C-alpha cells in the first residue's frame, strides 16, 4: 500500500420514551442503551499512473440494553413491563472490500468493486415473553452476501459527459426489524418477527451532462432499482390473534415482514444558464416512483417522495448576492 488509514471507535447511545395518560398516576418508561464498537482498515495502492487499488476491512459490534417499566408518580413504585427491544441483544457485522479505478486518459474512467458482508444478530425474548407470549424465545440471523458495482465515465469531447453505473446492495434484518415492540400508531402495536430474510437491491443508472462552455449546463440522469424481499410493516397476528392489549389499549398486531418485491425508478434533471457575469438561472426537477407487490396486489412503495423541484435566479456582484 501507499496509504493506510485505521479507525477504531467506541460510541455510547442512550435514549428513553416516557408517556402518561392525562391525569393518570402511572407513567410508562422505556429506556435503551447501545454500546457500539467499530474497526476500519482502509488501504490505497497506485498500481500505475492509470490504475489505482483500494481495499480494506470493517468490523462493527453493537450491544443493546433495553428495559421497560411503569412508574407510579405518587409513591415512586415501579412495575416491570415489556421493553422496546430484547434486552442484551447483539448485532455484529464483518466485511472486506476491494475497489479498482482505471483512468487511462482524461476522457475515460472505469471503477469497479466487490464487497463481502457477514451479519450475525442474536436476540433473547425470554424476559419479554411473560408479557407478549411469543411463539419463540430467540431470534438469530446469520447472513452473508457478495455485492458488486461497476461504472464508467466517458467524456468524448468538451461538451458531453456520459455516466453509467450498475450495482447490487444487501441489508440483513437488524434488531430493530426483528425485535422491536412499539405502538406504531394509535390502536396498533408492532411485535417481533423471527422469520425475516435479507433484502437485496439491484440498481442501474445512466447520466448525461452537456456543458456549453459553462454558459449553459444541462445535467440529467435516470435510475432503476429492483428490491427483492423488501422489509415493510404489515398487519399480522400473534398466536393467531390479530389484536392484543398493549399499554392498556386494544391494538392491532403488526410486524416487519418481507414484501415479495419492489421497484423504485426516477428521473432527475438540472440546468444552469449564465445570463451575464452577475446573473445566472438554475433549475432542478426530480421525479420518483415506486410500486411493490405483496400477495398479488400492487401498491405504492412507502416513503417514496412526490415529484419536486426548484428554480433560482441569482444576482451576485461584489459583496451583494440576491437569490430568488
C-alpha atoms as a PDB file:
ATOM      1  CA  UNK A   1       0.000   0.000   0.000  1.00  0.00           C
ATOM      2  CA  UNK A   2       0.930   3.653  -0.470  1.00  0.00           C
ATOM      3  CA  UNK A   3      -1.569   4.967   2.074  1.00  0.00           C
ATOM      4  CA  UNK A   4      -3.205   3.274   5.044  1.00  0.00           C
ATOM      5  CA  UNK A   5      -5.840   4.525   7.486  1.00  0.00           C
ATOM      6  CA  UNK A   6      -7.059   2.734  10.586  1.00  0.00           C
ATOM      7  CA  UNK A   7     -10.033   3.859  12.653  1.00  0.00           C
ATOM      8  CA  UNK A   8     -11.072   2.352  15.985  1.00  0.00           C
ATOM      9  CA  UNK A   9     -14.186   3.862  17.539  1.00  0.00           C
ATOM     10  CA  UNK A  10     -16.431   3.433  20.553  1.00  0.00           C
ATOM     11  CA  UNK A  11     -19.832   5.062  20.851  1.00  0.00           C
ATOM     12  CA  UNK A  12     -22.442   5.023  23.600  1.00  0.00           C
ATOM     13  CA  UNK A  13     -26.063   5.955  22.938  1.00  0.00           C
ATOM     14  CA  UNK A  14     -28.873   6.347  25.428  1.00  0.00           C
ATOM     15  CA  UNK A  15     -32.484   7.316  24.836  1.00  0.00           C
ATOM     16  CA  UNK A  16     -35.804   6.969  26.567  1.00  0.00           C
ATOM     17  CA  UNK A  17     -39.512   7.269  25.856  1.00  0.00           C
ATOM     18  CA  UNK A  18     -41.930   8.432  28.553  1.00  0.00           C
ATOM     19  CA  UNK A  19     -45.705   8.690  28.257  1.00  0.00           C
ATOM     20  CA  UNK A  20     -48.562   9.173  30.699  1.00  0.00           C
ATOM     21  CA  UNK A  21     -52.296   9.451  30.080  1.00  0.00           C
ATOM     22  CA  UNK A  22     -53.939  12.688  31.174  1.00  0.00           C
ATOM     23  CA  UNK A  23     -54.413  12.770  34.968  1.00  0.00           C
ATOM     24  CA  UNK A  24     -53.124   9.197  35.305  1.00  0.00           C
ATOM     25  CA  UNK A  25     -50.743   8.383  38.157  1.00  0.00           C
ATOM     26  CA  UNK A  26     -48.948   5.797  36.021  1.00  0.00           C
ATOM     27  CA  UNK A  27     -46.130   6.733  33.653  1.00  0.00           C
ATOM     28  CA  UNK A  28     -44.771   4.264  31.087  1.00  0.00           C
ATOM     29  CA  UNK A  29     -40.968   4.335  30.857  1.00  0.00           C
ATOM     30  CA  UNK A  30     -38.827   2.643  28.214  1.00  0.00           C
ATOM     31  CA  UNK A  31     -35.066   3.132  28.202  1.00  0.00           C
ATOM     32  CA  UNK A  32     -32.407   1.903  25.757  1.00  0.00           C
ATOM     33  CA  UNK A  33     -28.623   1.899  25.820  1.00  0.00           C
ATOM     34  CA  UNK A  34     -26.390   0.886  22.909  1.00  0.00           C
ATOM     35  CA  UNK A  35     -22.668   0.195  23.141  1.00  0.00           C
ATOM     36  CA  UNK A  36     -21.079   0.286  19.686  1.00  0.00           C
ATOM     37  CA  UNK A  37     -17.518  -0.691  18.766  1.00  0.00           C
ATOM     38  CA  UNK A  38     -16.129  -0.392  15.235  1.00  0.00           C
ATOM     39  CA  UNK A  39     -12.854  -1.029  13.435  1.00  0.00           C
ATOM     40  CA  UNK A  40     -11.919   0.060   9.913  1.00  0.00           C
ATOM     41  CA  UNK A  41      -8.774  -0.595   7.898  1.00  0.00           C
ATOM     42  CA  UNK A  42      -8.527   1.204   4.536  1.00  0.00           C
ATOM     43  CA  UNK A  43      -5.568   0.869   2.176  1.00  0.00           C
ATOM     44  CA  UNK A  44      -4.677   2.506  -1.138  1.00  0.00           C
ATOM     45  CA  UNK A  45      -2.159   1.470  -3.793  1.00  0.00           C
ATOM     46  CA  UNK A  46      -1.168   3.195  -7.029  1.00  0.00           C
ATOM     47  CA  UNK A  47      -0.526   0.295  -9.399  1.00  0.00           C
ATOM     48  CA  UNK A  48       0.467   2.640 -12.219  1.00  0.00           C
ATOM     49  CA  UNK A  49      -0.208   6.156 -13.446  1.00  0.00           C
ATOM     50  CA  UNK A  50      -3.619   4.959 -14.634  1.00  0.00           C
ATOM     51  CA  UNK A  51      -4.538   2.205 -12.150  1.00  0.00           C
ATOM     52  CA  UNK A  52      -5.495   2.581  -8.503  1.00  0.00           C
ATOM     53  CA  UNK A  53      -6.452  -0.070  -5.951  1.00  0.00           C
ATOM     54  CA  UNK A  54      -8.468   0.498  -2.754  1.00  0.00           C
ATOM     55  CA  UNK A  55      -9.179  -2.298  -0.278  1.00  0.00           C
ATOM     56  CA  UNK A  56      -9.915  -2.838   3.380  1.00  0.00           C
ATOM     57  CA  UNK A  57     -11.748  -4.464   6.278  1.00  0.00           C
ATOM     58  CA  UNK A  58     -14.549  -3.424   8.624  1.00  0.00           C
ATOM     59  CA  UNK A  59     -15.954  -4.844  11.851  1.00  0.00           C
ATOM     60  CA  UNK A  60     -18.871  -3.479  13.912  1.00  0.00           C
ATOM     61  CA  UNK A  61     -20.286  -4.762  17.202  1.00  0.00           C
ATOM     62  CA  UNK A  62     -23.464  -3.451  18.870  1.00  0.00           C
ATOM     63  CA  UNK A  63     -24.986  -4.496  22.187  1.00  0.00           C
ATOM     64  CA  UNK A  64     -28.392  -3.268  23.324  1.00  0.00           C
ATOM     65  CA  UNK A  65     -29.697  -2.963  26.867  1.00  0.00           C
ATOM     66  CA  UNK A  66     -33.417  -2.244  26.986  1.00  0.00           C
ATOM     67  CA  UNK A  67     -35.866  -2.051  29.851  1.00  0.00           C
ATOM     68  CA  UNK A  68     -39.485  -1.127  30.344  1.00  0.00           C
ATOM     69  CA  UNK A  69     -41.435  -0.365  33.498  1.00  0.00           C
ATOM     70  CA  UNK A  70     -44.460   1.521  34.779  1.00  0.00           C
ATOM     71  CA  UNK A  71     -43.804   4.214  37.403  1.00  0.00           C
ATOM     72  CA  UNK A  72     -46.391   5.264  39.987  1.00  0.00           C
ATOM     73  CA  UNK A  73     -45.716   9.009  40.233  1.00  0.00           C
ATOM     74  CA  UNK A  74     -47.390   9.244  43.678  1.00  0.00           C
ATOM     75  CA  UNK A  75     -45.339   6.661  45.609  1.00  0.00           C
ATOM     76  CA  UNK A  76     -42.476   6.093  43.049  1.00  0.00           C
ATOM     77  CA  UNK A  77     -43.127   2.352  42.970  1.00  0.00           C
ATOM     78  CA  UNK A  78     -42.351   0.537  39.703  1.00  0.00           C
ATOM     79  CA  UNK A  79     -43.711  -2.490  37.881  1.00  0.00           C
ATOM     80  CA  UNK A  80     -41.794  -4.166  35.081  1.00  0.00           C
ATOM     81  CA  UNK A  81     -43.393  -4.276  31.644  1.00  0.00           C
ATOM     82  CA  UNK A  82     -42.427  -5.119  28.046  1.00  0.00           C
ATOM     83  CA  UNK A  83     -39.254  -3.394  26.798  1.00  0.00           C
ATOM     84  CA  UNK A  84     -38.908  -1.833  23.346  1.00  0.00           C
ATOM     85  CA  UNK A  85     -36.082  -4.192  22.324  1.00  0.00           C
ATOM     86  CA  UNK A  86     -34.915  -7.619  23.544  1.00  0.00           C
ATOM     87  CA  UNK A  87     -32.570  -6.869  26.449  1.00  0.00           C
ATOM     88  CA  UNK A  88     -28.969  -7.958  25.844  1.00  0.00           C
ATOM     89  CA  UNK A  89     -29.374  -8.367  22.074  1.00  0.00           C
ATOM     90  CA  UNK A  90     -26.193  -8.202  19.967  1.00  0.00           C
ATOM     91  CA  UNK A  91     -25.533  -7.312  16.326  1.00  0.00           C
ATOM     92  CA  UNK A  92     -22.238  -7.868  14.500  1.00  0.00           C
ATOM     93  CA  UNK A  93     -21.060  -7.019  11.003  1.00  0.00           C
ATOM     94  CA  UNK A  94     -17.805  -8.050   9.290  1.00  0.00           C
ATOM     95  CA  UNK A  95     -16.874  -7.002   5.773  1.00  0.00           C
ATOM     96  CA  UNK A  96     -13.977  -6.923   3.313  1.00  0.00           C
ATOM     97  CA  UNK A  97     -13.878  -4.872   0.135  1.00  0.00           C
ATOM     98  CA  UNK A  98     -11.714  -4.189  -2.913  1.00  0.00           C
ATOM     99  CA  UNK A  99     -12.196  -1.344  -5.373  1.00  0.00           C
ATOM    100  CA  UNK A 100     -10.316  -0.753  -8.652  1.00  0.00           C
ATOM    101  CA  UNK A 101     -10.110   2.526 -10.584  1.00  0.00           C
ATOM    102  CA  UNK A 102      -8.717   2.746 -14.097  1.00  0.00           C
ATOM    103  CA  UNK A 103      -8.156   6.141 -15.740  1.00  0.00           C
ATOM    104  CA  UNK A 104      -6.075   5.722 -18.911  1.00  0.00           C
ATOM    105  CA  UNK A 105      -6.972   9.213 -20.207  1.00  0.00           C
ATOM    106  CA  UNK A 106      -8.798  12.318 -19.018  1.00  0.00           C
ATOM    107  CA  UNK A 107     -11.722  11.218 -21.174  1.00  0.00           C
ATOM    108  CA  UNK A 108     -12.392   7.801 -19.634  1.00  0.00           C
ATOM    109  CA  UNK A 109     -12.701   6.421 -16.080  1.00  0.00           C
ATOM    110  CA  UNK A 110     -13.640   2.871 -15.096  1.00  0.00           C
ATOM    111  CA  UNK A 111     -14.372   1.949 -11.495  1.00  0.00           C
ATOM    112  CA  UNK A 112     -15.439  -1.443 -10.181  1.00  0.00           C
ATOM    113  CA  UNK A 113     -15.578  -3.118  -6.786  1.00  0.00           C
ATOM    114  CA  UNK A 114     -16.581  -6.118  -4.679  1.00  0.00           C
ATOM    115  CA  UNK A 115     -17.628  -6.273  -1.033  1.00  0.00           C
ATOM    116  CA  UNK A 116     -18.240  -9.351   1.116  1.00  0.00           C
ATOM    117  CA  UNK A 117     -20.611  -8.841   4.059  1.00  0.00           C
ATOM    118  CA  UNK A 118     -21.380 -11.124   7.005  1.00  0.00           C
ATOM    119  CA  UNK A 119     -24.084 -10.205   9.550  1.00  0.00           C
ATOM    120  CA  UNK A 120     -24.804 -12.012  12.841  1.00  0.00           C
ATOM    121  CA  UNK A 121     -27.636 -10.977  15.147  1.00  0.00           C
ATOM    122  CA  UNK A 122     -28.801 -12.672  18.374  1.00  0.00           C
ATOM    123  CA  UNK A 123     -31.864 -11.734  20.419  1.00  0.00           C
ATOM    124  CA  UNK A 124     -33.385 -13.349  23.507  1.00  0.00           C
ATOM    125  CA  UNK A 125     -37.078 -12.606  24.178  1.00  0.00           C
ATOM    126  CA  UNK A 126     -37.358 -14.580  27.431  1.00  0.00           C
ATOM    127  CA  UNK A 127     -37.944 -11.504  29.613  1.00  0.00           C
ATOM    128  CA  UNK A 128     -40.487 -10.015  27.192  1.00  0.00           C
ATOM    129  CA  UNK A 129     -42.327 -13.284  26.657  1.00  0.00           C
ATOM    130  CA  UNK A 130     -44.015 -13.076  30.059  1.00  0.00           C
ATOM    131  CA  UNK A 131     -45.956 -10.121  28.574  1.00  0.00           C
ATOM    132  CA  UNK A 132     -46.158 -10.977  24.858  1.00  0.00           C
ATOM    133  CA  UNK A 133     -46.306 -14.794  24.904  1.00  0.00           C
ATOM    134  CA  UNK A 134     -44.408 -15.039  21.613  1.00  0.00           C
ATOM    135  CA  UNK A 135     -44.235 -18.457  19.927  1.00  0.00           C
ATOM    136  CA  UNK A 136     -40.402 -18.231  20.109  1.00  0.00           C
ATOM    137  CA  UNK A 137     -37.792 -17.243  22.713  1.00  0.00           C
ATOM    138  CA  UNK A 138     -34.861 -16.376  20.448  1.00  0.00           C
ATOM    139  CA  UNK A 139     -34.217 -14.846  17.034  1.00  0.00           C
ATOM    140  CA  UNK A 140     -30.861 -15.417  15.364  1.00  0.00           C
ATOM    141  CA  UNK A 141     -29.800 -14.066  11.983  1.00  0.00           C
ATOM    142  CA  UNK A 142     -26.677 -15.365  10.245  1.00  0.00           C
ATOM    143  CA  UNK A 143     -26.468 -13.894   6.748  1.00  0.00           C
ATOM    144  CA  UNK A 144     -23.799 -13.089   4.205  1.00  0.00           C
ATOM    145  CA  UNK A 145     -23.667 -11.662   0.704  1.00  0.00           C
ATOM    146  CA  UNK A 146     -21.287 -10.575  -2.008  1.00  0.00           C
ATOM    147  CA  UNK A 147     -22.178  -7.203  -3.524  1.00  0.00           C
ATOM    148  CA  UNK A 148     -20.627  -5.592  -6.570  1.00  0.00           C
ATOM    149  CA  UNK A 149     -20.546  -2.341  -8.504  1.00  0.00           C
ATOM    150  CA  UNK A 150     -19.190  -1.152 -11.837  1.00  0.00           C
ATOM    151  CA  UNK A 151     -19.319   2.210 -13.506  1.00  0.00           C
ATOM    152  CA  UNK A 152     -17.813   4.212 -16.324  1.00  0.00           C
ATOM    153  CA  UNK A 153     -17.457   7.906 -17.036  1.00  0.00           C
ATOM    154  CA  UNK A 154     -16.802   8.922 -20.643  1.00  0.00           C
ATOM    155  CA  UNK A 155     -16.046  12.423 -21.902  1.00  0.00           C
ATOM    156  CA  UNK A 156     -15.809  12.185 -25.720  1.00  0.00           C
ATOM    157  CA  UNK A 157     -15.412  15.956 -26.105  1.00  0.00           C
ATOM    158  CA  UNK A 158     -15.603  19.255 -24.209  1.00  0.00           C
ATOM    159  CA  UNK A 159     -19.419  19.234 -24.261  1.00  0.00           C
ATOM    160  CA  UNK A 160     -20.517  15.667 -23.496  1.00  0.00           C
ATOM    161  CA  UNK A 161     -20.063  13.589 -20.353  1.00  0.00           C
ATOM    162  CA  UNK A 162     -21.688  10.157 -20.004  1.00  0.00           C
ATOM    163  CA  UNK A 163     -22.013   8.122 -16.790  1.00  0.00           C
ATOM    164  CA  UNK A 164     -23.260   4.564 -16.458  1.00  0.00           C
ATOM    165  CA  UNK A 165     -23.378   2.548 -13.227  1.00  0.00           C
ATOM    166  CA  UNK A 166     -24.567  -0.902 -12.166  1.00  0.00           C
ATOM    167  CA  UNK A 167     -24.570  -2.138  -8.567  1.00  0.00           C
ATOM    168  CA  UNK A 168     -26.055  -4.595  -6.122  1.00  0.00           C
ATOM    169  CA  UNK A 169     -26.809  -3.992  -2.449  1.00  0.00           C
ATOM    170  CA  UNK A 170     -27.692  -6.077   0.590  1.00  0.00           C
ATOM    171  CA  UNK A 171     -29.241  -5.448   4.006  1.00  0.00           C
ATOM    172  CA  UNK A 172     -29.767  -8.099   6.637  1.00  0.00           C
ATOM    173  CA  UNK A 173     -32.566  -7.641   9.192  1.00  0.00           C
ATOM    174  CA  UNK A 174     -31.295  -5.825  12.272  1.00  0.00           C
ATOM    175  CA  UNK A 175     -32.523  -5.819  15.875  1.00  0.00           C
ATOM    176  CA  UNK A 176     -34.936  -3.003  15.077  1.00  0.00           C
ATOM    177  CA  UNK A 177     -36.532  -5.107  12.320  1.00  0.00           C
ATOM    178  CA  UNK A 178     -36.609  -8.401  14.230  1.00  0.00           C
ATOM    179  CA  UNK A 179     -37.249  -7.479  17.830  1.00  0.00           C
ATOM    180  CA  UNK A 180     -38.842  -4.061  18.252  1.00  0.00           C
ATOM    181  CA  UNK A 181     -42.073  -3.680  20.234  1.00  0.00           C
ATOM    182  CA  UNK A 182     -43.749  -0.275  19.863  1.00  0.00           C
ATOM    183  CA  UNK A 183     -47.077   1.397  19.166  1.00  0.00           C
ATOM    184  CA  UNK A 184     -46.652   2.384  15.524  1.00  0.00           C
ATOM    185  CA  UNK A 185     -49.863   4.431  15.515  1.00  0.00           C
ATOM    186  CA  UNK A 186     -52.905   4.779  17.781  1.00  0.00           C
ATOM    187  CA  UNK A 187     -54.530   1.360  18.041  1.00  0.00           C
ATOM    188  CA  UNK A 188     -51.627  -0.611  16.523  1.00  0.00           C
ATOM    189  CA  UNK A 189     -48.604  -2.358  18.008  1.00  0.00           C
ATOM    190  CA  UNK A 190     -45.572  -3.823  16.198  1.00  0.00           C
ATOM    191  CA  UNK A 191     -44.376  -7.170  17.605  1.00  0.00           C
ATOM    192  CA  UNK A 192     -41.166  -9.166  16.916  1.00  0.00           C
ATOM    193  CA  UNK A 193     -40.782 -11.440  13.897  1.00  0.00           C
ATOM    194  CA  UNK A 194     -38.029 -14.086  13.884  1.00  0.00           C
ATOM    195  CA  UNK A 195     -38.724 -15.231  10.314  1.00  0.00           C
ATOM    196  CA  UNK A 196     -37.150 -12.427   8.280  1.00  0.00           C
ATOM    197  CA  UNK A 197     -34.881 -12.708   5.245  1.00  0.00           C
ATOM    198  CA  UNK A 198     -32.288 -10.276   3.931  1.00  0.00           C
ATOM    199  CA  UNK A 199     -33.325  -7.770   1.303  1.00  0.00           C
ATOM    200  CA  UNK A 200     -31.336  -7.285  -1.916  1.00  0.00           C
ATOM    201  CA  UNK A 201     -31.257  -4.361  -4.333  1.00  0.00           C
ATOM    202  CA  UNK A 202     -30.183  -4.333  -7.975  1.00  0.00           C
ATOM    203  CA  UNK A 203     -29.509  -0.857  -9.340  1.00  0.00           C
ATOM    204  CA  UNK A 204     -28.836   0.770 -12.698  1.00  0.00           C
ATOM    205  CA  UNK A 205     -28.173   4.431 -13.517  1.00  0.00           C
ATOM    206  CA  UNK A 206     -27.492   6.362 -16.727  1.00  0.00           C
ATOM    207  CA  UNK A 207     -26.467  10.010 -16.711  1.00  0.00           C
ATOM    208  CA  UNK A 208     -25.669  12.659 -19.332  1.00  0.00           C
ATOM    209  CA  UNK A 209     -24.124  16.093 -18.828  1.00  0.00           C
ATOM    210  CA  UNK A 210     -23.974  18.787 -21.528  1.00  0.00           C
ATOM    211  CA  UNK A 211     -21.618  21.676 -20.820  1.00  0.00           C
ATOM    212  CA  UNK A 212     -21.582  24.536 -23.307  1.00  0.00           C
ATOM    213  CA  UNK A 213     -18.535  26.483 -22.122  1.00  0.00           C
ATOM    214  CA  UNK A 214     -20.051  26.776 -18.623  1.00  0.00           C
ATOM    215  CA  UNK A 215     -22.599  29.243 -20.018  1.00  0.00           C
ATOM    216  CA  UNK A 216     -25.314  26.629 -20.309  1.00  0.00           C
ATOM    217  CA  UNK A 217     -25.067  23.315 -18.435  1.00  0.00           C
ATOM    218  CA  UNK A 218     -27.664  20.542 -18.587  1.00  0.00           C
ATOM    219  CA  UNK A 219     -27.292  17.555 -16.241  1.00  0.00           C
ATOM    220  CA  UNK A 220     -29.730  14.630 -16.286  1.00  0.00           C
ATOM    221  CA  UNK A 221     -29.921  11.050 -15.037  1.00  0.00           C
ATOM    222  CA  UNK A 222     -32.355   8.176 -14.828  1.00  0.00           C
ATOM    223  CA  UNK A 223     -32.196   5.230 -12.440  1.00  0.00           C
ATOM    224  CA  UNK A 224     -33.983   1.991 -11.621  1.00  0.00           C
ATOM    225  CA  UNK A 225     -33.825  -0.220  -8.530  1.00  0.00           C
ATOM    226  CA  UNK A 226     -35.324  -3.667  -8.079  1.00  0.00           C
ATOM    227  CA  UNK A 227     -35.697  -4.552  -4.397  1.00  0.00           C
ATOM    228  CA  UNK A 228     -36.224  -8.219  -3.532  1.00  0.00           C
ATOM    229  CA  UNK A 229     -37.640  -9.314  -0.147  1.00  0.00           C
ATOM    230  CA  UNK A 230     -38.185  -5.679   0.868  1.00  0.00           C
ATOM    231  CA  UNK A 231     -38.727  -5.192   4.627  1.00  0.00           C
ATOM    232  CA  UNK A 232     -42.001  -3.372   5.318  1.00  0.00           C
ATOM    233  CA  UNK A 233     -44.533  -3.092   8.148  1.00  0.00           C
ATOM    234  CA  UNK A 234     -47.655  -5.181   7.653  1.00  0.00           C
ATOM    235  CA  UNK A 235     -50.689  -6.351   9.638  1.00  0.00           C
ATOM    236  CA  UNK A 236     -50.150  -9.763  11.195  1.00  0.00           C
ATOM    237  CA  UNK A 237     -51.095 -11.919  14.141  1.00  0.00           C
ATOM    238  CA  UNK A 238     -49.658 -13.192  17.403  1.00  0.00           C
ATOM    239  CA  UNK A 239     -50.542 -16.797  18.211  1.00  0.00           C
ATOM    240  CA  UNK A 240     -53.493 -16.447  15.842  1.00  0.00           C
ATOM    241  CA  UNK A 241     -54.741 -13.229  17.483  1.00  0.00           C
ATOM    242  CA  UNK A 242     -54.907 -10.087  15.329  1.00  0.00           C
ATOM    243  CA  UNK A 243     -55.469  -7.836  18.382  1.00  0.00           C
ATOM    244  CA  UNK A 244     -53.744  -7.720  21.783  1.00  0.00           C
ATOM    245  CA  UNK A 245     -53.753  -5.441  24.823  1.00  0.00           C
ATOM    246  CA  UNK A 246     -50.675  -3.155  24.794  1.00  0.00           C
ATOM    247  CA  UNK A 247     -50.195  -0.432  27.449  1.00  0.00           C
ATOM    248  CA  UNK A 248     -53.825  -0.907  28.431  1.00  0.00           C
ATOM    249  CA  UNK A 249     -55.194  -0.400  24.898  1.00  0.00           C
ATOM    250  CA  UNK A 250     -56.633  -2.933  22.459  1.00  0.00           C
ATOM    251  CA  UNK A 251     -54.258  -2.751  19.481  1.00  0.00           C
ATOM    252  CA  UNK A 252     -53.999  -4.307  16.023  1.00  0.00           C
ATOM    253  CA  UNK A 253     -50.988  -6.620  15.666  1.00  0.00           C
ATOM    254  CA  UNK A 254     -48.366  -5.625  13.101  1.00  0.00           C
ATOM    255  CA  UNK A 255     -44.813  -6.781  12.331  1.00  0.00           C
ATOM    256  CA  UNK A 256     -41.943  -6.136   9.960  1.00  0.00           C
ATOM    257  CA  UNK A 257     -42.314  -8.578   7.058  1.00  0.00           C
ATOM    258  CA  UNK A 258     -40.658  -9.373   3.726  1.00  0.00           C
ATOM    259  CA  UNK A 259     -42.767  -7.957   0.899  1.00  0.00           C
ATOM    260  CA  UNK A 260     -42.333 -10.014  -2.258  1.00  0.00           C
ATOM    261  CA  UNK A 261     -40.691  -7.320  -4.413  1.00  0.00           C
ATOM    262  CA  UNK A 262     -40.484  -3.579  -5.032  1.00  0.00           C
ATOM    263  CA  UNK A 263     -39.451  -1.295  -7.879  1.00  0.00           C
ATOM    264  CA  UNK A 264     -38.068   2.218  -7.457  1.00  0.00           C
ATOM    265  CA  UNK A 265     -37.422   4.381 -10.504  1.00  0.00           C
ATOM    266  CA  UNK A 266     -36.800   8.010 -11.201  1.00  0.00           C
ATOM    267  CA  UNK A 267     -35.522  10.786 -13.410  1.00  0.00           C
ATOM    268  CA  UNK A 268     -33.689  13.953 -12.427  1.00  0.00           C
ATOM    269  CA  UNK A 269     -32.647  16.963 -14.465  1.00  0.00           C
ATOM    270  CA  UNK A 270     -30.789  20.133 -13.624  1.00  0.00           C
ATOM    271  CA  UNK A 271     -29.883  23.190 -15.669  1.00  0.00           C
ATOM    272  CA  UNK A 272     -27.687  26.244 -15.248  1.00  0.00           C
ATOM    273  CA  UNK A 273     -27.917  29.263 -17.553  1.00  0.00           C
ATOM    274  CA  UNK A 274     -25.421  32.094 -17.196  1.00  0.00           C
ATOM    275  CA  UNK A 275     -27.284  35.220 -18.342  1.00  0.00           C
ATOM    276  CA  UNK A 276     -24.387  37.570 -17.587  1.00  0.00           C
ATOM    277  CA  UNK A 277     -21.325  37.779 -15.374  1.00  0.00           C
ATOM    278  CA  UNK A 278     -23.628  38.745 -12.475  1.00  0.00           C
ATOM    279  CA  UNK A 279     -26.866  36.880 -13.177  1.00  0.00           C
ATOM    280  CA  UNK A 280     -27.490  33.163 -13.527  1.00  0.00           C
ATOM    281  CA  UNK A 281     -30.551  30.928 -13.583  1.00  0.00           C
ATOM    282  CA  UNK A 282     -30.600  27.428 -12.065  1.00  0.00           C
ATOM    283  CA  UNK A 283     -33.367  24.842 -12.111  1.00  0.00           C
ATOM    284  CA  UNK A 284     -33.736  21.257 -10.844  1.00  0.00           C
ATOM    285  CA  UNK A 285     -36.552  18.730 -11.079  1.00  0.00           C
ATOM    286  CA  UNK A 286     -36.890  15.200  -9.651  1.00  0.00           C
ATOM    287  CA  UNK A 287     -39.450  12.539 -10.426  1.00  0.00           C
ATOM    288  CA  UNK A 288     -39.555   9.414  -8.245  1.00  0.00           C
ATOM    289  CA  UNK A 289     -41.942   6.488  -8.499  1.00  0.00           C
ATOM    290  CA  UNK A 290     -42.263   3.072  -6.965  1.00  0.00           C
ATOM    291  CA  UNK A 291     -44.560   0.083  -6.580  1.00  0.00           C
ATOM    292  CA  UNK A 292     -44.473  -3.115  -4.583  1.00  0.00           C
ATOM    293  CA  UNK A 293     -46.292  -6.390  -4.962  1.00  0.00           C
ATOM    294  CA  UNK A 294     -47.468  -8.354  -1.945  1.00  0.00           C
ATOM    295  CA  UNK A 295     -49.863 -11.294  -2.196  1.00  0.00           C
ATOM    296  CA  UNK A 296     -50.540 -10.419  -5.829  1.00  0.00           C
ATOM    297  CA  UNK A 297     -51.608  -6.837  -5.050  1.00  0.00           C
ATOM    298  CA  UNK A 298     -49.605  -3.890  -6.414  1.00  0.00           C
ATOM    299  CA  UNK A 299     -49.472  -0.762  -4.232  1.00  0.00           C
ATOM    300  CA  UNK A 300     -47.241   2.336  -3.989  1.00  0.00           C
ATOM    301  CA  UNK A 301     -43.985   1.924  -2.063  1.00  0.00           C
ATOM    302  CA  UNK A 302     -43.915   3.669   1.317  1.00  0.00           C
ATOM    303  CA  UNK A 303     -41.567   6.639   1.803  1.00  0.00           C
ATOM    304  CA  UNK A 304     -41.232   7.450  -1.911  1.00  0.00           C
ATOM    305  CA  UNK A 305     -41.217  11.235  -2.203  1.00  0.00           C
ATOM    306  CA  UNK A 306     -43.572  13.058  -4.574  1.00  0.00           C
ATOM    307  CA  UNK A 307     -42.082  14.872  -7.554  1.00  0.00           C
ATOM    308  CA  UNK A 308     -40.280  18.051  -6.549  1.00  0.00           C
ATOM    309  CA  UNK A 309     -38.052  20.761  -7.955  1.00  0.00           C
ATOM    310  CA  UNK A 310     -36.807  24.322  -7.669  1.00  0.00           C
ATOM    311  CA  UNK A 311     -35.788  27.279  -9.808  1.00  0.00           C
ATOM    312  CA  UNK A 312     -33.467  30.096  -8.690  1.00  0.00           C
ATOM    313  CA  UNK A 313     -32.447  33.368 -10.266  1.00  0.00           C
ATOM    314  CA  UNK A 314     -29.256  34.606  -8.644  1.00  0.00           C
ATOM    315  CA  UNK A 315     -27.621  38.013  -8.802  1.00  0.00           C
ATOM    316  CA  UNK A 316     -24.076  38.228  -7.450  1.00  0.00           C
ATOM    317  CA  UNK A 317     -21.726  41.183  -7.667  1.00  0.00           C
ATOM    318  CA  UNK A 318     -19.008  42.408  -5.322  1.00  0.00           C
ATOM    319  CA  UNK A 319     -20.343  41.939  -1.780  1.00  0.00           C
ATOM    320  CA  UNK A 320     -24.014  41.599  -2.780  1.00  0.00           C
ATOM    321  CA  UNK A 321     -25.818  38.321  -3.524  1.00  0.00           C
ATOM    322  CA  UNK A 322     -29.563  38.084  -4.134  1.00  0.00           C
ATOM    323  CA  UNK A 323     -31.207  34.675  -4.584  1.00  0.00           C
ATOM    324  CA  UNK A 324     -34.861  34.474  -5.559  1.00  0.00           C
END
